[in-house]
C-alpha atoms as a PDB file:
ATOM      1  CA  UNK A   1       0.101   0.192  -0.289  1.00  0.00           C
ATOM      2  CA  UNK A   2       1.291   3.293  -0.879  1.00  0.00           C
ATOM      3  CA  UNK A   3       0.955   6.226   1.360  1.00  0.00           C
ATOM      4  CA  UNK A   4       1.280   9.907   1.671  1.00  0.00           C
ATOM      5  CA  UNK A   5       1.373  12.425   4.268  1.00  0.00           C
ATOM      6  CA  UNK A   6       0.517  15.732   5.542  1.00  0.00           C
ATOM      7  CA  UNK A   7      -2.278  16.059   3.108  1.00  0.00           C
ATOM      8  CA  UNK A   8      -5.004  19.122   3.194  1.00  0.00           C
ATOM      9  CA  UNK A   9      -8.143  18.525   2.658  1.00  0.00           C
ATOM     10  CA  UNK A  10     -10.911  21.025   2.046  1.00  0.00           C
ATOM     11  CA  UNK A  11     -14.405  18.618   2.957  1.00  0.00           C
ATOM     12  CA  UNK A  12     -17.309  18.963   1.040  1.00  0.00           C
ATOM     13  CA  UNK A  13     -19.884  16.923   2.477  1.00  0.00           C
ATOM     14  CA  UNK A  14     -22.625  14.694   1.100  1.00  0.00           C
ATOM     15  CA  UNK A  15     -21.981  15.945  -2.608  1.00  0.00           C
ATOM     16  CA  UNK A  16     -23.158  13.474  -5.194  1.00  0.00           C
ATOM     17  CA  UNK A  17     -21.916  15.873  -8.212  1.00  0.00           C
ATOM     18  CA  UNK A  18     -17.980  16.304  -8.323  1.00  0.00           C
ATOM     19  CA  UNK A  19     -18.380  19.600  -9.931  1.00  0.00           C
ATOM     20  CA  UNK A  20     -19.132  20.744  -6.212  1.00  0.00           C
ATOM     21  CA  UNK A  21     -15.957  19.519  -4.655  1.00  0.00           C
ATOM     22  CA  UNK A  22     -13.955  22.528  -5.883  1.00  0.00           C
ATOM     23  CA  UNK A  23     -10.531  22.324  -6.992  1.00  0.00           C
ATOM     24  CA  UNK A  24      -7.838  24.730  -5.008  1.00  0.00           C
ATOM     25  CA  UNK A  25      -8.155  27.791  -6.760  1.00  0.00           C
ATOM     26  CA  UNK A  26     -11.802  27.889  -5.493  1.00  0.00           C
ATOM     27  CA  UNK A  27     -11.120  27.197  -1.950  1.00  0.00           C
ATOM     28  CA  UNK A  28     -12.194  29.849   0.338  1.00  0.00           C
ATOM     29  CA  UNK A  29     -10.870  31.555   3.345  1.00  0.00           C
ATOM     30  CA  UNK A  30     -13.601  30.928   5.617  1.00  0.00           C
ATOM     31  CA  UNK A  31     -13.717  27.120   4.634  1.00  0.00           C
ATOM     32  CA  UNK A  32     -12.562  24.434   7.126  1.00  0.00           C
ATOM     33  CA  UNK A  33      -9.353  23.127   5.689  1.00  0.00           C
ATOM     34  CA  UNK A  34      -8.118  19.830   7.833  1.00  0.00           C
ATOM     35  CA  UNK A  35      -4.307  18.675   7.272  1.00  0.00           C
ATOM     36  CA  UNK A  36      -4.305  14.455   7.280  1.00  0.00           C
ATOM     37  CA  UNK A  37      -1.337  12.999   8.960  1.00  0.00           C
ATOM     38  CA  UNK A  38      -1.384   9.808   6.489  1.00  0.00           C
ATOM     39  CA  UNK A  39      -3.880   8.531   3.922  1.00  0.00           C
ATOM     40  CA  UNK A  40      -3.379   5.414   1.615  1.00  0.00           C
ATOM     41  CA  UNK A  41      -3.152   5.979  -2.129  1.00  0.00           C
ATOM     42  CA  UNK A  42      -5.841   3.386  -4.073  1.00  0.00           C
ATOM     43  CA  UNK A  43      -5.172   3.618  -8.127  1.00  0.00           C
ATOM     44  CA  UNK A  44      -8.489   2.624  -9.409  1.00  0.00           C
ATOM     45  CA  UNK A  45      -9.994   2.433 -12.811  1.00  0.00           C
ATOM     46  CA  UNK A  46     -11.788   5.371 -14.335  1.00  0.00           C
ATOM     47  CA  UNK A  47     -14.947   4.146 -14.059  1.00  0.00           C
ATOM     48  CA  UNK A  48     -14.961   3.341 -10.851  1.00  0.00           C
ATOM     49  CA  UNK A  49     -13.151   6.514  -9.824  1.00  0.00           C
ATOM     50  CA  UNK A  50     -16.194   8.757 -11.600  1.00  0.00           C
ATOM     51  CA  UNK A  51     -18.527   6.743  -9.800  1.00  0.00           C
ATOM     52  CA  UNK A  52     -16.932   7.473  -6.638  1.00  0.00           C
ATOM     53  CA  UNK A  53     -16.721  11.212  -7.706  1.00  0.00           C
ATOM     54  CA  UNK A  54     -19.839  11.554  -9.178  1.00  0.00           C
ATOM     55  CA  UNK A  55     -22.490   9.509  -6.862  1.00  0.00           C
ATOM     56  CA  UNK A  56     -23.181   8.520  -2.867  1.00  0.00           C
ATOM     57  CA  UNK A  57     -23.950   5.158  -3.248  1.00  0.00           C
ATOM     58  CA  UNK A  58     -21.759   1.828  -1.787  1.00  0.00           C
ATOM     59  CA  UNK A  59     -18.630   1.400  -1.944  1.00  0.00           C
ATOM     60  CA  UNK A  60     -16.812  -1.867  -3.226  1.00  0.00           C
ATOM     61  CA  UNK A  61     -16.489  -4.177  -0.073  1.00  0.00           C
ATOM     62  CA  UNK A  62     -12.881  -5.190  -0.852  1.00  0.00           C
ATOM     63  CA  UNK A  63     -11.907  -1.327  -1.357  1.00  0.00           C
ATOM     64  CA  UNK A  64     -13.198  -0.613   1.994  1.00  0.00           C
ATOM     65  CA  UNK A  65     -11.361  -3.558   3.408  1.00  0.00           C
ATOM     66  CA  UNK A  66      -7.930  -2.766   1.837  1.00  0.00           C
ATOM     67  CA  UNK A  67      -7.856   0.932   3.292  1.00  0.00           C
ATOM     68  CA  UNK A  68      -9.328   0.015   7.058  1.00  0.00           C
ATOM     69  CA  UNK A  69      -8.044   2.179   9.884  1.00  0.00           C
ATOM     70  CA  UNK A  70      -4.595   2.771   7.532  1.00  0.00           C
ATOM     71  CA  UNK A  71      -5.858   6.752   7.637  1.00  0.00           C
ATOM     72  CA  UNK A  72      -4.632   8.970  10.284  1.00  0.00           C
ATOM     73  CA  UNK A  73      -5.592  12.491  11.421  1.00  0.00           C
ATOM     74  CA  UNK A  74      -3.480  14.641  13.508  1.00  0.00           C
ATOM     75  CA  UNK A  75      -5.528  16.639  16.475  1.00  0.00           C
ATOM     76  CA  UNK A  76      -3.978  18.259  19.561  1.00  0.00           C
ATOM     77  CA  UNK A  77      -0.761  16.281  19.071  1.00  0.00           C
ATOM     78  CA  UNK A  78      -2.987  12.998  18.933  1.00  0.00           C
ATOM     79  CA  UNK A  79      -2.593  10.642  15.930  1.00  0.00           C
ATOM     80  CA  UNK A  80      -6.392   9.578  15.546  1.00  0.00           C
ATOM     81  CA  UNK A  81      -7.162   6.870  12.847  1.00  0.00           C
ATOM     82  CA  UNK A  82      -9.548   6.966  10.316  1.00  0.00           C
ATOM     83  CA  UNK A  83     -11.861   4.084   9.731  1.00  0.00           C
ATOM     84  CA  UNK A  84     -12.359   4.741   5.731  1.00  0.00           C
ATOM     85  CA  UNK A  85     -10.734   7.070   4.285  1.00  0.00           C
ATOM     86  CA  UNK A  86      -8.241   7.354   1.023  1.00  0.00           C
ATOM     87  CA  UNK A  87      -6.819   9.197  -1.624  1.00  0.00           C
ATOM     88  CA  UNK A  88      -7.876   7.784  -5.124  1.00  0.00           C
ATOM     89  CA  UNK A  89      -6.709   8.356  -8.161  1.00  0.00           C
ATOM     90  CA  UNK A  90      -7.178   7.405 -12.171  1.00  0.00           C
ATOM     91  CA  UNK A  91      -3.672   8.538 -13.097  1.00  0.00           C
ATOM     92  CA  UNK A  92      -5.203  12.018 -14.322  1.00  0.00           C
ATOM     93  CA  UNK A  93      -7.674  13.300 -11.438  1.00  0.00           C
ATOM     94  CA  UNK A  94      -7.294  12.943  -7.740  1.00  0.00           C
ATOM     95  CA  UNK A  95      -9.404  12.822  -4.808  1.00  0.00           C
ATOM     96  CA  UNK A  96      -9.445  12.180  -1.093  1.00  0.00           C
ATOM     97  CA  UNK A  97     -12.799  10.210   0.346  1.00  0.00           C
ATOM     98  CA  UNK A  98     -13.783   9.932   4.029  1.00  0.00           C
ATOM     99  CA  UNK A  99     -16.797   7.689   5.314  1.00  0.00           C
ATOM    100  CA  UNK A 100     -16.926   8.583   8.135  1.00  0.00           C
ATOM    101  CA  UNK A 101     -17.357   4.806   9.051  1.00  0.00           C
ATOM    102  CA  UNK A 102     -20.252   4.298   6.287  1.00  0.00           C
ATOM    103  CA  UNK A 103     -20.196   2.970   3.203  1.00  0.00           C
ATOM    104  CA  UNK A 104     -20.566   5.552   1.055  1.00  0.00           C
ATOM    105  CA  UNK A 105     -18.193   8.799   0.224  1.00  0.00           C
ATOM    106  CA  UNK A 106     -19.607  10.793   2.502  1.00  0.00           C
ATOM    107  CA  UNK A 107     -16.838  13.554   2.050  1.00  0.00           C
ATOM    108  CA  UNK A 108     -14.762  14.228  -0.529  1.00  0.00           C
ATOM    109  CA  UNK A 109     -11.730  16.751  -1.435  1.00  0.00           C
ATOM    110  CA  UNK A 110      -9.510  17.726  -3.785  1.00  0.00           C
ATOM    111  CA  UNK A 111      -5.961  18.150  -2.769  1.00  0.00           C
ATOM    112  CA  UNK A 112      -3.567  21.029  -3.602  1.00  0.00           C
ATOM    113  CA  UNK A 113      -1.461  20.774  -7.078  1.00  0.00           C
ATOM    114  CA  UNK A 114       1.574  20.167  -5.466  1.00  0.00           C
ATOM    115  CA  UNK A 115       0.501  17.090  -3.211  1.00  0.00           C
ATOM    116  CA  UNK A 116      -1.583  15.882  -6.614  1.00  0.00           C
ATOM    117  CA  UNK A 117       1.581  15.873  -8.758  1.00  0.00           C
ATOM    118  CA  UNK A 118       3.004  13.823  -6.144  1.00  0.00           C
ATOM    119  CA  UNK A 119       0.097  11.200  -5.730  1.00  0.00           C
ATOM    120  CA  UNK A 120       0.414  11.151  -9.989  1.00  0.00           C
ATOM    121  CA  UNK A 121       3.955  10.728 -10.127  1.00  0.00           C
ATOM    122  CA  UNK A 122       3.421   7.524  -6.945  1.00  0.00           C
ATOM    123  CA  UNK A 123       1.179   5.687  -9.177  1.00  0.00           C
ATOM    124  CA  UNK A 124       2.560   6.535 -12.654  1.00  0.00           C
ATOM    125  CA  UNK A 125       4.352   2.609 -12.681  1.00  0.00           C
ATOM    126  CA  UNK A 126       1.345   1.153 -11.014  1.00  0.00           C
ATOM    127  CA  UNK A 127      -1.308  -0.912 -12.305  1.00  0.00           C
ATOM    128  CA  UNK A 128      -5.328   0.364 -11.589  1.00  0.00           C
ATOM    129  CA  UNK A 129      -7.281  -2.335  -9.119  1.00  0.00           C
ATOM    130  CA  UNK A 130     -11.090  -2.925 -10.415  1.00  0.00           C
ATOM    131  CA  UNK A 131     -12.255  -4.169  -6.676  1.00  0.00           C
ATOM    132  CA  UNK A 132     -14.952  -5.938  -8.987  1.00  0.00           C
ATOM    133  CA  UNK A 133     -16.591  -3.145  -9.461  1.00  0.00           C
ATOM    134  CA  UNK A 134     -19.376  -3.272 -11.871  1.00  0.00           C
ATOM    135  CA  UNK A 135     -20.718   0.161 -12.873  1.00  0.00           C
ATOM    136  CA  UNK A 136     -24.489   0.920 -12.791  1.00  0.00           C
ATOM    137  CA  UNK A 137     -26.264   2.082 -15.769  1.00  0.00           C
ATOM    138  CA  UNK A 138     -27.094   5.710 -15.224  1.00  0.00           C
ATOM    139  CA  UNK A 139     -30.310   7.289 -15.574  1.00  0.00           C
ATOM    140  CA  UNK A 140     -30.392   9.877 -19.025  1.00  0.00           C
ATOM    141  CA  UNK A 141     -32.744  12.049 -17.279  1.00  0.00           C
ATOM    142  CA  UNK A 142     -31.616  14.915 -14.966  1.00  0.00           C
ATOM    143  CA  UNK A 143     -33.177  16.296 -11.955  1.00  0.00           C
ATOM    144  CA  UNK A 144     -33.193  20.149 -11.587  1.00  0.00           C
ATOM    145  CA  UNK A 145     -31.645  19.674  -7.949  1.00  0.00           C
ATOM    146  CA  UNK A 146     -28.796  17.579  -9.615  1.00  0.00           C
ATOM    147  CA  UNK A 147     -27.906  19.101 -12.907  1.00  0.00           C
ATOM    148  CA  UNK A 148     -25.447  16.856 -15.222  1.00  0.00           C
ATOM    149  CA  UNK A 149     -21.998  17.929 -15.043  1.00  0.00           C
ATOM    150  CA  UNK A 150     -22.346  19.338 -18.841  1.00  0.00           C
ATOM    151  CA  UNK A 151     -24.882  22.339 -17.677  1.00  0.00           C
ATOM    152  CA  UNK A 152     -22.048  23.275 -14.935  1.00  0.00           C
ATOM    153  CA  UNK A 153     -18.543  23.124 -16.815  1.00  0.00           C
ATOM    154  CA  UNK A 154     -16.690  26.210 -17.077  1.00  0.00           C
ATOM    155  CA  UNK A 155     -19.000  28.440 -14.095  1.00  0.00           C
ATOM    156  CA  UNK A 156     -17.468  29.382 -11.200  1.00  0.00           C
ATOM    157  CA  UNK A 157     -18.006  28.124  -7.688  1.00  0.00           C
ATOM    158  CA  UNK A 158     -20.115  31.247  -6.945  1.00  0.00           C
ATOM    159  CA  UNK A 159     -22.182  30.558 -10.364  1.00  0.00           C
ATOM    160  CA  UNK A 160     -22.612  26.624  -9.604  1.00  0.00           C
ATOM    161  CA  UNK A 161     -24.373  27.639  -6.243  1.00  0.00           C
ATOM    162  CA  UNK A 162     -26.147  30.475  -7.398  1.00  0.00           C
ATOM    163  CA  UNK A 163     -27.209  27.822 -10.335  1.00  0.00           C
ATOM    164  CA  UNK A 164     -28.540  25.487  -7.693  1.00  0.00           C
ATOM    165  CA  UNK A 165     -30.451  28.263  -5.869  1.00  0.00           C
ATOM    166  CA  UNK A 166     -31.869  29.314  -9.151  1.00  0.00           C
ATOM    167  CA  UNK A 167     -32.831  25.494  -9.819  1.00  0.00           C
ATOM    168  CA  UNK A 168     -34.389  25.082  -6.394  1.00  0.00           C
ATOM    169  CA  UNK A 169     -37.109  28.104  -7.357  1.00  0.00           C
ATOM    170  CA  UNK A 170     -37.900  26.465 -10.452  1.00  0.00           C
ATOM    171  CA  UNK A 171     -38.668  23.498  -9.084  1.00  0.00           C
ATOM    172  CA  UNK A 172     -40.611  25.481  -6.365  1.00  0.00           C
ATOM    173  CA  UNK A 173     -42.552  27.184  -9.426  1.00  0.00           C
ATOM    174  CA  UNK A 174     -42.921  23.739 -10.883  1.00  0.00           C
ATOM    175  CA  UNK A 175     -44.386  22.504  -7.268  1.00  0.00           C
ATOM    176  CA  UNK A 176     -46.654  25.514  -7.021  1.00  0.00           C
ATOM    177  CA  UNK A 177     -48.794  24.441 -10.156  1.00  0.00           C
ATOM    178  CA  UNK A 178     -49.744  27.913 -10.973  1.00  0.00           C
ATOM    179  CA  UNK A 179     -49.792  28.966 -14.470  1.00  0.00           C
ATOM    180  CA  UNK A 180     -49.708  32.878 -13.680  1.00  0.00           C
ATOM    181  CA  UNK A 181     -46.802  32.651 -11.706  1.00  0.00           C
ATOM    182  CA  UNK A 182     -45.167  30.900 -14.371  1.00  0.00           C
ATOM    183  CA  UNK A 183     -45.889  32.963 -16.797  1.00  0.00           C
ATOM    184  CA  UNK A 184     -44.648  36.109 -14.895  1.00  0.00           C
ATOM    185  CA  UNK A 185     -41.057  34.451 -14.523  1.00  0.00           C
ATOM    186  CA  UNK A 186     -41.433  33.638 -18.147  1.00  0.00           C
ATOM    187  CA  UNK A 187     -41.991  36.825 -19.269  1.00  0.00           C
ATOM    188  CA  UNK A 188     -39.286  38.506 -16.820  1.00  0.00           C
ATOM    189  CA  UNK A 189     -36.655  36.069 -18.476  1.00  0.00           C
ATOM    190  CA  UNK A 190     -38.125  36.949 -22.258  1.00  0.00           C
ATOM    191  CA  UNK A 191     -39.647  39.691 -22.158  1.00  0.00           C
ATOM    192  CA  UNK A 192     -39.980  40.477 -25.337  1.00  0.00           C
ATOM    193  CA  UNK A 193     -41.872  37.131 -26.205  1.00  0.00           C
ATOM    194  CA  UNK A 194     -44.836  37.828 -24.099  1.00  0.00           C
ATOM    195  CA  UNK A 195     -47.516  36.999 -26.400  1.00  0.00           C
ATOM    196  CA  UNK A 196     -46.271  33.675 -27.188  1.00  0.00           C
ATOM    197  CA  UNK A 197     -46.179  33.084 -23.480  1.00  0.00           C
ATOM    198  CA  UNK A 198     -49.294  33.973 -23.024  1.00  0.00           C
ATOM    199  CA  UNK A 199     -50.358  31.133 -25.154  1.00  0.00           C
ATOM    200  CA  UNK A 200     -48.188  28.279 -23.563  1.00  0.00           C
ATOM    201  CA  UNK A 201     -49.708  25.742 -21.644  1.00  0.00           C
ATOM    202  CA  UNK A 202     -48.154  25.154 -17.986  1.00  0.00           C
ATOM    203  CA  UNK A 203     -46.377  22.020 -19.495  1.00  0.00           C
ATOM    204  CA  UNK A 204     -44.470  24.268 -22.105  1.00  0.00           C
ATOM    205  CA  UNK A 205     -43.871  27.034 -20.204  1.00  0.00           C
ATOM    206  CA  UNK A 206     -42.020  25.446 -17.692  1.00  0.00           C
ATOM    207  CA  UNK A 207     -40.055  22.960 -20.046  1.00  0.00           C
ATOM    208  CA  UNK A 208     -39.268  25.997 -21.684  1.00  0.00           C
ATOM    209  CA  UNK A 209     -38.111  27.897 -18.634  1.00  0.00           C
ATOM    210  CA  UNK A 210     -36.396  24.846 -17.485  1.00  0.00           C
ATOM    211  CA  UNK A 211     -34.362  24.493 -20.779  1.00  0.00           C
ATOM    212  CA  UNK A 212     -33.341  28.275 -20.846  1.00  0.00           C
ATOM    213  CA  UNK A 213     -32.187  28.372 -17.258  1.00  0.00           C
ATOM    214  CA  UNK A 214     -29.933  25.206 -17.307  1.00  0.00           C
ATOM    215  CA  UNK A 215     -27.780  26.194 -19.566  1.00  0.00           C
ATOM    216  CA  UNK A 216     -24.655  28.161 -18.923  1.00  0.00           C
ATOM    217  CA  UNK A 217     -25.258  31.255 -16.599  1.00  0.00           C
ATOM    218  CA  UNK A 218     -25.430  35.043 -17.511  1.00  0.00           C
ATOM    219  CA  UNK A 219     -26.590  38.051 -16.443  1.00  0.00           C
ATOM    220  CA  UNK A 220     -30.346  36.489 -17.235  1.00  0.00           C
ATOM    221  CA  UNK A 221     -29.793  34.220 -14.847  1.00  0.00           C
ATOM    222  CA  UNK A 222     -28.148  36.746 -12.216  1.00  0.00           C
ATOM    223  CA  UNK A 223     -30.658  38.933 -12.356  1.00  0.00           C
ATOM    224  CA  UNK A 224     -34.086  36.367 -12.575  1.00  0.00           C
ATOM    225  CA  UNK A 225     -32.182  34.841  -9.341  1.00  0.00           C
ATOM    226  CA  UNK A 226     -31.851  37.362  -7.613  1.00  0.00           C
ATOM    227  CA  UNK A 227     -35.711  38.869  -8.429  1.00  0.00           C
ATOM    228  CA  UNK A 228     -36.966  35.292  -7.621  1.00  0.00           C
ATOM    229  CA  UNK A 229     -35.032  35.438  -4.039  1.00  0.00           C
ATOM    230  CA  UNK A 230     -36.301  38.234  -3.131  1.00  0.00           C
ATOM    231  CA  UNK A 231     -39.593  38.188  -0.462  1.00  0.00           C
ATOM    232  CA  UNK A 232     -38.772  34.217   0.107  1.00  0.00           C
ATOM    233  CA  UNK A 233     -36.973  34.293   3.511  1.00  0.00           C
ATOM    234  CA  UNK A 234     -34.945  30.689   3.322  1.00  0.00           C
ATOM    235  CA  UNK A 235     -34.431  31.943  -0.671  1.00  0.00           C
ATOM    236  CA  UNK A 236     -33.376  35.558  -0.214  1.00  0.00           C
ATOM    237  CA  UNK A 237     -31.238  34.596   3.195  1.00  0.00           C
ATOM    238  CA  UNK A 238     -29.427  32.160   0.606  1.00  0.00           C
ATOM    239  CA  UNK A 239     -28.657  34.796  -2.237  1.00  0.00           C
ATOM    240  CA  UNK A 240     -27.497  37.016   0.097  1.00  0.00           C
ATOM    241  CA  UNK A 241     -24.705  34.465   1.893  1.00  0.00           C
ATOM    242  CA  UNK A 242     -23.622  33.942  -1.683  1.00  0.00           C
ATOM    243  CA  UNK A 243     -23.449  37.788  -1.900  1.00  0.00           C
ATOM    244  CA  UNK A 244     -21.155  38.219   1.087  1.00  0.00           C
ATOM    245  CA  UNK A 245     -18.935  35.469  -0.207  1.00  0.00           C
ATOM    246  CA  UNK A 246     -18.189  37.422  -3.142  1.00  0.00           C
ATOM    247  CA  UNK A 247     -17.281  40.612  -0.779  1.00  0.00           C
ATOM    248  CA  UNK A 248     -15.231  39.227   1.382  1.00  0.00           C
ATOM    249  CA  UNK A 249     -13.159  37.641  -1.807  1.00  0.00           C
ATOM    250  CA  UNK A 250     -13.096  40.448  -3.295  1.00  0.00           C
ATOM    251  CA  UNK A 251     -11.454  42.165  -0.181  1.00  0.00           C
END
């Protein structure tokens, strides 16, 4: 077993999609950074890496057995063993995983560039292990609250989080079933298409709104997101929190 030492991690908990596990250049000062004293490195197939990075399902038992209590956290001059914590790599990407004692990848983190290069060098002449992994067939449909990576590619951390907020609010509009509300937000999005919008059924309008919102991120996304959040305490608080983070980063 290969080990690396003194690994800095920035845990993202409960993230199903890898795009929400931020790379080092997107780490923030207010993030909770932790130092792992020792972590085993596991070289896996690309299919298994993708499964762990972009899913929250059970990990192969053989993988869990291989890394059991082989990682240590240094805390207040004590060395604490972690049940199932490990680094995985497919010889291209690197991810740190901690199950918190469960069988699913509860916490995930990227590593700093220097440590990423070290890990890739360590396994450069090794052979990946598949741990008898059989990939599941993923659904081709994508829910608004867990968009496919292609809809988040190229966005900043702030844009991804605001887009998730926007999708939460659009989903709420879909759940309400109110045609007048839907037409209002469609008009905010495409005022030049007011006449056409007034002729749309709820299903047609909702599909149109979702398709318009899920592609990319621009000024219109930002404007509509802010307007939809206003007057809704929970969503408005989430919006304000993102603005506060922006202000901290700009100082």
